[in-house]
């Protein structure tokens, strides 16, 4: 399953929808999280699918 489908499917299971613009913003947030995490220990979770599942859907 590609990354956008995982996000859309997870939100759908919660009864929510997401626009293409919101997906792009989430991707930008993910990129910023990973870049900042390189010099500031924010999270040990860095794989895209794990970020979606463990940081946003739990």
C-alpha atoms as a PDB file:
ATOM      1  CA  UNK A   1       0.000   0.000   0.000  1.00  0.00           C
ATOM      2  CA  UNK A   2       1.453   3.363  -0.934  1.00  0.00           C
ATOM      3  CA  UNK A   3       1.836   6.051   1.673  1.00  0.00           C
ATOM      4  CA  UNK A   4      -1.116   8.224   0.627  1.00  0.00           C
ATOM      5  CA  UNK A   5      -3.429   5.207   0.574  1.00  0.00           C
ATOM      6  CA  UNK A   6      -2.404   4.306   4.125  1.00  0.00           C
ATOM      7  CA  UNK A   7      -3.246   7.809   5.304  1.00  0.00           C
ATOM      8  CA  UNK A   8      -6.541   7.932   3.386  1.00  0.00           C
ATOM      9  CA  UNK A   9      -7.555   4.429   4.530  1.00  0.00           C
ATOM     10  CA  UNK A  10      -6.772   5.177   8.164  1.00  0.00           C
ATOM     11  CA  UNK A  11      -8.736   8.401   8.128  1.00  0.00           C
ATOM     12  CA  UNK A  12     -11.598   6.708   6.308  1.00  0.00           C
ATOM     13  CA  UNK A  13     -11.802   4.095   9.057  1.00  0.00           C
ATOM     14  CA  UNK A  14     -12.204   6.988  11.490  1.00  0.00           C
ATOM     15  CA  UNK A  15     -15.002   8.425   9.351  1.00  0.00           C
ATOM     16  CA  UNK A  16     -12.832  11.271   8.042  1.00  0.00           C
ATOM     17  CA  UNK A  17     -11.828  12.399   4.571  1.00  0.00           C
ATOM     18  CA  UNK A  18      -8.707  14.212   3.440  1.00  0.00           C
ATOM     19  CA  UNK A  19      -8.074  16.526   0.492  1.00  0.00           C
ATOM     20  CA  UNK A  20      -5.073  16.406  -1.799  1.00  0.00           C
ATOM     21  CA  UNK A  21      -3.897  19.683  -0.247  1.00  0.00           C
ATOM     22  CA  UNK A  22      -4.059  18.154   3.241  1.00  0.00           C
ATOM     23  CA  UNK A  23      -2.053  15.140   2.053  1.00  0.00           C
ATOM     24  CA  UNK A  24       0.585  17.520   0.684  1.00  0.00           C
ATOM     25  CA  UNK A  25       0.669  19.370   4.020  1.00  0.00           C
ATOM     26  CA  UNK A  26       1.046  16.102   5.904  1.00  0.00           C
ATOM     27  CA  UNK A  27       3.936  15.141   3.605  1.00  0.00           C
ATOM     28  CA  UNK A  28       5.579  18.517   4.275  1.00  0.00           C
ATOM     29  CA  UNK A  29       5.109  18.019   8.032  1.00  0.00           C
ATOM     30  CA  UNK A  30       6.689  14.571   7.766  1.00  0.00           C
ATOM     31  CA  UNK A  31       9.684  15.991   5.881  1.00  0.00           C
ATOM     32  CA  UNK A  32      10.121  18.719   8.503  1.00  0.00           C
ATOM     33  CA  UNK A  33       9.867  16.153  11.308  1.00  0.00           C
ATOM     34  CA  UNK A  34      12.592  13.999   9.770  1.00  0.00           C
ATOM     35  CA  UNK A  35      14.885  16.960   9.035  1.00  0.00           C
ATOM     36  CA  UNK A  36      14.502  18.412  12.543  1.00  0.00           C
ATOM     37  CA  UNK A  37      14.939  14.963  14.064  1.00  0.00           C
ATOM     38  CA  UNK A  38      18.471  14.840  12.622  1.00  0.00           C
ATOM     39  CA  UNK A  39      19.698  17.391  15.164  1.00  0.00           C
ATOM     40  CA  UNK A  40      16.977  17.371  17.807  1.00  0.00           C
ATOM     41  CA  UNK A  41      15.783  14.049  19.211  1.00  0.00           C
ATOM     42  CA  UNK A  42      12.035  14.313  18.586  1.00  0.00           C
ATOM     43  CA  UNK A  43      11.192  10.696  17.821  1.00  0.00           C
ATOM     44  CA  UNK A  44      12.783   7.350  17.068  1.00  0.00           C
ATOM     45  CA  UNK A  45       9.970   6.635  14.613  1.00  0.00           C
ATOM     46  CA  UNK A  46      11.085   7.842  11.188  1.00  0.00           C
ATOM     47  CA  UNK A  47       9.543   5.522   8.589  1.00  0.00           C
ATOM     48  CA  UNK A  48       6.583   7.179   6.847  1.00  0.00           C
ATOM     49  CA  UNK A  49       4.107   4.359   7.465  1.00  0.00           C
ATOM     50  CA  UNK A  50       5.150   4.058  11.100  1.00  0.00           C
ATOM     51  CA  UNK A  51       4.743   7.821  11.604  1.00  0.00           C
ATOM     52  CA  UNK A  52       1.198   7.597  10.221  1.00  0.00           C
ATOM     53  CA  UNK A  53       0.246   4.572  12.303  1.00  0.00           C
ATOM     54  CA  UNK A  54       2.119   5.169  15.556  1.00  0.00           C
ATOM     55  CA  UNK A  55       2.177   8.962  15.835  1.00  0.00           C
ATOM     56  CA  UNK A  56      -1.142   9.902  14.264  1.00  0.00           C
ATOM     57  CA  UNK A  57      -3.521   6.959  14.563  1.00  0.00           C
ATOM     58  CA  UNK A  58      -2.725   5.842  18.102  1.00  0.00           C
END
